[in-house]
Amino acid sequence: QVQLVESGGGLVQPGGSLRLACAGSGSIFRHYSVGWFRQAPGKEREGVGCIEGSDGSTYYRDSVKGRFTILRDNDKNTVYLQMENLKSEDTAVYYCAAERACAIITEADFWGQGTQVTVSS
Protein backbone atom coordinates (compact mmCIF):
# COMPACT_ATOMS: atom_id res chain seq x y z
CA GLN A 1 0.00 0.00 0.00
CA VAL A 2 1.28 3.45 -0.95
CA GLN A 3 -0.13 6.69 0.37
CA LEU A 4 0.51 9.91 -1.52
CA VAL A 5 0.25 13.47 -0.25
CA GLU A 6 0.63 16.47 -2.58
CA SER A 7 1.65 19.92 -1.47
CA GLY A 8 2.93 23.16 -2.91
CA GLY A 9 -0.04 24.48 -4.81
CA GLY A 10 -1.12 28.09 -4.68
CA LEU A 11 -1.74 31.29 -6.58
CA VAL A 12 0.95 32.51 -8.94
CA GLN A 13 1.12 35.17 -11.62
CA PRO A 14 1.58 34.27 -15.28
CA GLY A 15 5.23 33.64 -15.96
CA GLY A 16 5.83 32.59 -12.39
CA SER A 17 7.01 29.31 -10.91
CA LEU A 18 5.78 26.71 -8.46
CA ARG A 19 7.09 23.42 -7.20
CA LEU A 20 4.65 20.71 -6.26
CA ALA A 21 5.66 17.82 -4.07
CA CYS A 22 4.26 14.30 -3.90
CA ALA A 23 5.36 12.55 -0.73
CA GLY A 24 4.97 8.79 -0.70
CA SER A 25 4.82 6.40 2.20
CA GLY A 26 6.79 3.19 2.54
CA SER A 27 10.15 2.02 1.31
CA ILE A 28 8.58 0.59 -1.84
CA PHE A 29 7.60 4.06 -3.07
CA ARG A 30 11.02 4.61 -4.57
CA HIS A 31 10.44 1.70 -6.93
CA TYR A 32 7.17 3.07 -8.25
CA SER A 33 6.70 5.21 -11.30
CA VAL A 34 4.96 8.47 -10.42
CA GLY A 35 2.75 10.44 -12.73
CA TRP A 36 1.37 13.93 -12.46
CA PHE A 37 -2.13 14.73 -13.69
CA ARG A 38 -4.31 17.80 -13.67
CA GLN A 39 -7.96 18.59 -14.01
CA ALA A 40 -9.30 22.02 -14.80
CA PRO A 41 -12.93 22.98 -14.11
CA GLY A 42 -15.23 21.48 -16.70
CA LYS A 43 -12.44 19.53 -18.36
CA GLU A 44 -11.25 15.97 -18.40
CA ARG A 45 -8.28 14.94 -16.33
CA GLU A 46 -5.09 14.94 -18.37
CA GLY A 47 -1.64 13.57 -17.84
CA VAL A 48 1.13 16.09 -17.33
CA GLY A 49 4.14 13.84 -17.08
CA CYS A 50 5.63 10.78 -15.50
CA ILE A 51 8.92 9.53 -14.06
CA GLU A 52 9.83 5.87 -14.20
CA GLY A 53 10.70 4.08 -11.00
CA SER A 54 13.07 1.75 -12.85
CA ASP A 55 15.48 4.20 -14.44
CA GLY A 56 14.25 7.74 -13.84
CA SER A 57 13.17 8.34 -17.43
CA THR A 58 10.69 11.18 -17.74
CA TYR A 59 7.87 11.92 -20.14
CA TYR A 60 5.82 15.09 -20.60
CA ARG A 61 2.78 16.22 -22.51
CA ASP A 62 3.69 18.57 -25.33
CA SER A 63 2.12 21.66 -23.80
CA VAL A 64 4.44 21.55 -20.76
CA LYS A 65 7.68 20.38 -22.37
CA GLY A 66 10.46 22.83 -21.62
CA ARG A 67 8.48 24.39 -18.77
CA PHE A 68 7.80 21.50 -16.36
CA THR A 69 10.35 19.11 -14.87
CA ILE A 70 9.75 16.02 -12.77
CA LEU A 71 12.42 15.29 -10.20
CA ARG A 72 12.80 12.56 -7.65
CA ASP A 73 14.45 12.51 -4.22
CA ASN A 74 14.45 8.95 -2.96
CA ASP A 75 16.04 9.95 0.35
CA LYS A 76 12.91 11.99 1.04
CA ASN A 77 10.48 9.61 -0.67
CA THR A 78 9.28 12.58 -2.68
CA VAL A 79 8.67 13.35 -6.33
CA TYR A 80 8.53 16.97 -7.42
CA LEU A 81 6.87 18.77 -10.29
CA GLN A 82 8.84 21.94 -10.97
CA MET A 83 6.72 24.32 -13.03
CA GLU A 84 8.19 27.35 -14.76
CA ASN A 85 6.74 30.07 -16.99
CA LEU A 86 3.25 29.22 -15.83
CA LYS A 87 0.30 30.15 -17.99
CA SER A 88 -3.35 30.69 -17.18
CA GLU A 89 -4.17 27.42 -18.95
CA ASP A 90 -2.07 25.58 -16.35
CA THR A 91 -4.71 26.40 -13.74
CA ALA A 92 -6.07 23.13 -12.39
CA VAL A 93 -6.07 20.72 -9.49
CA TYR A 94 -2.88 18.69 -9.75
CA TYR A 95 -2.70 15.08 -8.65
CA CYS A 96 0.10 12.57 -8.36
CA ALA A 97 -0.33 8.85 -8.83
CA ALA A 98 1.92 5.84 -8.39
CA GLU A 99 2.03 2.64 -10.42
CA ARG A 100 4.60 0.07 -11.49
CA ALA A 101 5.32 1.78 -14.81
CA CYS A 102 4.48 4.99 -16.65
CA ALA A 103 2.87 2.97 -19.44
CA ILE A 104 0.03 2.06 -17.08
CA ILE A 105 0.00 5.16 -14.89
CA THR A 106 -3.57 6.04 -15.87
CA GLU A 107 -4.63 2.81 -14.19
CA ALA A 108 -2.82 3.70 -10.97
CA ASP A 109 -4.23 2.32 -7.76
CA PHE A 110 -2.64 5.00 -5.63
CA TRP A 111 -3.60 8.68 -5.91
CA GLY A 112 -3.01 11.77 -3.87
CA GLN A 113 -5.75 14.15 -2.77
CA GLY A 114 -4.79 16.93 -5.18
CA THR A 115 -3.46 20.44 -4.82
CA GLN A 116 -4.87 23.56 -6.47
CA VAL A 117 -2.71 25.61 -8.80
CA THR A 118 -4.12 28.94 -9.94
CA VAL A 119 -2.29 31.08 -12.46
CA SER A 120 -3.74 34.56 -12.53
CA SER A 121 -2.73 38.18 -12.40
C-alpha atoms as a PDB file:
ATOM      1  CA  GLN A   1       0.000   0.000   0.000  1.00  0.00           C
ATOM      2  CA  VAL A   2       1.285   3.449  -0.949  1.00  0.00           C
ATOM      3  CA  GLN A   3      -0.134   6.688   0.367  1.00  0.00           C
ATOM      4  CA  LEU A   4       0.510   9.913  -1.520  1.00  0.00           C
ATOM      5  CA  VAL A   5       0.252  13.475  -0.254  1.00  0.00           C
ATOM      6  CA  GLU A   6       0.628  16.466  -2.583  1.00  0.00           C
ATOM      7  CA  SER A   7       1.646  19.916  -1.471  1.00  0.00           C
ATOM      8  CA  GLY A   8       2.932  23.162  -2.908  1.00  0.00           C
ATOM      9  CA  GLY A   9      -0.037  24.476  -4.808  1.00  0.00           C
ATOM     10  CA  GLY A  10      -1.123  28.087  -4.680  1.00  0.00           C
ATOM     11  CA  LEU A  11      -1.740  31.290  -6.581  1.00  0.00           C
ATOM     12  CA  VAL A  12       0.953  32.508  -8.942  1.00  0.00           C
ATOM     13  CA  GLN A  13       1.120  35.173 -11.616  1.00  0.00           C
ATOM     14  CA  PRO A  14       1.580  34.270 -15.278  1.00  0.00           C
ATOM     15  CA  GLY A  15       5.234  33.638 -15.959  1.00  0.00           C
ATOM     16  CA  GLY A  16       5.829  32.590 -12.389  1.00  0.00           C
ATOM     17  CA  SER A  17       7.014  29.307 -10.914  1.00  0.00           C
ATOM     18  CA  LEU A  18       5.776  26.711  -8.465  1.00  0.00           C
ATOM     19  CA  ARG A  19       7.093  23.422  -7.200  1.00  0.00           C
ATOM     20  CA  LEU A  20       4.651  20.712  -6.260  1.00  0.00           C
ATOM     21  CA  ALA A  21       5.657  17.817  -4.069  1.00  0.00           C
ATOM     22  CA  CYS A  22       4.263  14.300  -3.901  1.00  0.00           C
ATOM     23  CA  ALA A  23       5.356  12.555  -0.727  1.00  0.00           C
ATOM     24  CA  GLY A  24       4.969   8.789  -0.702  1.00  0.00           C
ATOM     25  CA  SER A  25       4.815   6.395   2.197  1.00  0.00           C
ATOM     26  CA  GLY A  26       6.788   3.188   2.539  1.00  0.00           C
ATOM     27  CA  SER A  27      10.148   2.022   1.310  1.00  0.00           C
ATOM     28  CA  ILE A  28       8.577   0.587  -1.845  1.00  0.00           C
ATOM     29  CA  PHE A  29       7.599   4.059  -3.074  1.00  0.00           C
ATOM     30  CA  ARG A  30      11.020   4.608  -4.567  1.00  0.00           C
ATOM     31  CA  HIS A  31      10.444   1.699  -6.932  1.00  0.00           C
ATOM     32  CA  TYR A  32       7.167   3.070  -8.253  1.00  0.00           C
ATOM     33  CA  SER A  33       6.699   5.214 -11.299  1.00  0.00           C
ATOM     34  CA  VAL A  34       4.963   8.469 -10.421  1.00  0.00           C
ATOM     35  CA  GLY A  35       2.749  10.439 -12.725  1.00  0.00           C
ATOM     36  CA  TRP A  36       1.366  13.934 -12.458  1.00  0.00           C
ATOM     37  CA  PHE A  37      -2.128  14.726 -13.693  1.00  0.00           C
ATOM     38  CA  ARG A  38      -4.306  17.798 -13.667  1.00  0.00           C
ATOM     39  CA  GLN A  39      -7.961  18.590 -14.010  1.00  0.00           C
ATOM     40  CA  ALA A  40      -9.301  22.022 -14.803  1.00  0.00           C
ATOM     41  CA  PRO A  41     -12.931  22.981 -14.106  1.00  0.00           C
ATOM     42  CA  GLY A  42     -15.232  21.482 -16.701  1.00  0.00           C
ATOM     43  CA  LYS A  43     -12.439  19.534 -18.360  1.00  0.00           C
ATOM     44  CA  GLU A  44     -11.251  15.967 -18.402  1.00  0.00           C
ATOM     45  CA  ARG A  45      -8.284  14.935 -16.329  1.00  0.00           C
ATOM     46  CA  GLU A  46      -5.087  14.939 -18.372  1.00  0.00           C
ATOM     47  CA  GLY A  47      -1.641  13.567 -17.845  1.00  0.00           C
ATOM     48  CA  VAL A  48       1.131  16.088 -17.331  1.00  0.00           C
ATOM     49  CA  GLY A  49       4.140  13.841 -17.076  1.00  0.00           C
ATOM     50  CA  CYS A  50       5.634  10.776 -15.498  1.00  0.00           C
ATOM     51  CA  ILE A  51       8.918   9.531 -14.060  1.00  0.00           C
ATOM     52  CA  GLU A  52       9.825   5.873 -14.201  1.00  0.00           C
ATOM     53  CA  GLY A  53      10.702   4.076 -10.997  1.00  0.00           C
ATOM     54  CA  SER A  54      13.069   1.752 -12.853  1.00  0.00           C
ATOM     55  CA  ASP A  55      15.485   4.198 -14.443  1.00  0.00           C
ATOM     56  CA  GLY A  56      14.246   7.739 -13.844  1.00  0.00           C
ATOM     57  CA  SER A  57      13.168   8.340 -17.430  1.00  0.00           C
ATOM     58  CA  THR A  58      10.690  11.175 -17.740  1.00  0.00           C
ATOM     59  CA  TYR A  59       7.870  11.917 -20.136  1.00  0.00           C
ATOM     60  CA  TYR A  60       5.821  15.089 -20.596  1.00  0.00           C
ATOM     61  CA  ARG A  61       2.784  16.215 -22.509  1.00  0.00           C
ATOM     62  CA  ASP A  62       3.686  18.570 -25.332  1.00  0.00           C
ATOM     63  CA  SER A  63       2.117  21.661 -23.795  1.00  0.00           C
ATOM     64  CA  VAL A  64       4.435  21.546 -20.762  1.00  0.00           C
ATOM     65  CA  LYS A  65       7.683  20.384 -22.373  1.00  0.00           C
ATOM     66  CA  GLY A  66      10.456  22.826 -21.617  1.00  0.00           C
ATOM     67  CA  ARG A  67       8.481  24.387 -18.768  1.00  0.00           C
ATOM     68  CA  PHE A  68       7.804  21.504 -16.361  1.00  0.00           C
ATOM     69  CA  THR A  69      10.347  19.112 -14.869  1.00  0.00           C
ATOM     70  CA  ILE A  70       9.747  16.018 -12.768  1.00  0.00           C
ATOM     71  CA  LEU A  71      12.423  15.287 -10.198  1.00  0.00           C
ATOM     72  CA  ARG A  72      12.800  12.559  -7.646  1.00  0.00           C
ATOM     73  CA  ASP A  73      14.454  12.514  -4.222  1.00  0.00           C
ATOM     74  CA  ASN A  74      14.446   8.946  -2.959  1.00  0.00           C
ATOM     75  CA  ASP A  75      16.036   9.946   0.350  1.00  0.00           C
ATOM     76  CA  LYS A  76      12.907  11.987   1.042  1.00  0.00           C
ATOM     77  CA  ASN A  77      10.484   9.613  -0.675  1.00  0.00           C
ATOM     78  CA  THR A  78       9.280  12.585  -2.684  1.00  0.00           C
ATOM     79  CA  VAL A  79       8.668  13.352  -6.329  1.00  0.00           C
ATOM     80  CA  TYR A  80       8.526  16.973  -7.420  1.00  0.00           C
ATOM     81  CA  LEU A  81       6.868  18.771 -10.293  1.00  0.00           C
ATOM     82  CA  GLN A  82       8.839  21.935 -10.967  1.00  0.00           C
ATOM     83  CA  MET A  83       6.721  24.317 -13.034  1.00  0.00           C
ATOM     84  CA  GLU A  84       8.195  27.353 -14.762  1.00  0.00           C
ATOM     85  CA  ASN A  85       6.743  30.066 -16.989  1.00  0.00           C
ATOM     86  CA  LEU A  86       3.251  29.221 -15.834  1.00  0.00           C
ATOM     87  CA  LYS A  87       0.303  30.149 -17.992  1.00  0.00           C
ATOM     88  CA  SER A  88      -3.346  30.686 -17.182  1.00  0.00           C
ATOM     89  CA  GLU A  89      -4.166  27.423 -18.947  1.00  0.00           C
ATOM     90  CA  ASP A  90      -2.071  25.580 -16.351  1.00  0.00           C
ATOM     91  CA  THR A  91      -4.709  26.403 -13.742  1.00  0.00           C
ATOM     92  CA  ALA A  92      -6.072  23.126 -12.390  1.00  0.00           C
ATOM     93  CA  VAL A  93      -6.068  20.723  -9.494  1.00  0.00           C
ATOM     94  CA  TYR A  94      -2.884  18.692  -9.755  1.00  0.00           C
ATOM     95  CA  TYR A  95      -2.696  15.081  -8.647  1.00  0.00           C
ATOM     96  CA  CYS A  96       0.103  12.572  -8.362  1.00  0.00           C
ATOM     97  CA  ALA A  97      -0.329   8.854  -8.834  1.00  0.00           C
ATOM     98  CA  ALA A  98       1.922   5.835  -8.388  1.00  0.00           C
ATOM     99  CA  GLU A  99       2.030   2.636 -10.417  1.00  0.00           C
ATOM    100  CA  ARG A 100       4.602   0.069 -11.495  1.00  0.00           C
ATOM    101  CA  ALA A 101       5.320   1.778 -14.814  1.00  0.00           C
ATOM    102  CA  CYS A 102       4.483   4.986 -16.652  1.00  0.00           C
ATOM    103  CA  ALA A 103       2.869   2.974 -19.437  1.00  0.00           C
ATOM    104  CA  ILE A 104       0.026   2.063 -17.085  1.00  0.00           C
ATOM    105  CA  ILE A 105       0.003   5.163 -14.893  1.00  0.00           C
ATOM    106  CA  THR A 106      -3.572   6.039 -15.871  1.00  0.00           C
ATOM    107  CA  GLU A 107      -4.634   2.807 -14.191  1.00  0.00           C
ATOM    108  CA  ALA A 108      -2.823   3.696 -10.972  1.00  0.00           C
ATOM    109  CA  ASP A 109      -4.228   2.315  -7.759  1.00  0.00           C
ATOM    110  CA  PHE A 110      -2.642   5.003  -5.626  1.00  0.00           C
ATOM    111  CA  TRP A 111      -3.596   8.675  -5.909  1.00  0.00           C
ATOM    112  CA  GLY A 112      -3.013  11.771  -3.875  1.00  0.00           C
ATOM    113  CA  GLN A 113      -5.749  14.155  -2.771  1.00  0.00           C
ATOM    114  CA  GLY A 114      -4.791  16.926  -5.178  1.00  0.00           C
ATOM    115  CA  THR A 115      -3.464  20.445  -4.816  1.00  0.00           C
ATOM    116  CA  GLN A 116      -4.869  23.557  -6.473  1.00  0.00           C
ATOM    117  CA  VAL A 117      -2.705  25.614  -8.803  1.00  0.00           C
ATOM    118  CA  THR A 118      -4.119  28.941  -9.937  1.00  0.00           C
ATOM    119  CA  VAL A 119      -2.286  31.083 -12.460  1.00  0.00           C
ATOM    120  CA  SER A 120      -3.736  34.559 -12.528  1.00  0.00           C
ATOM    121  CA  SER A 121      -2.728  38.183 -12.401  1.00  0.00           C
END
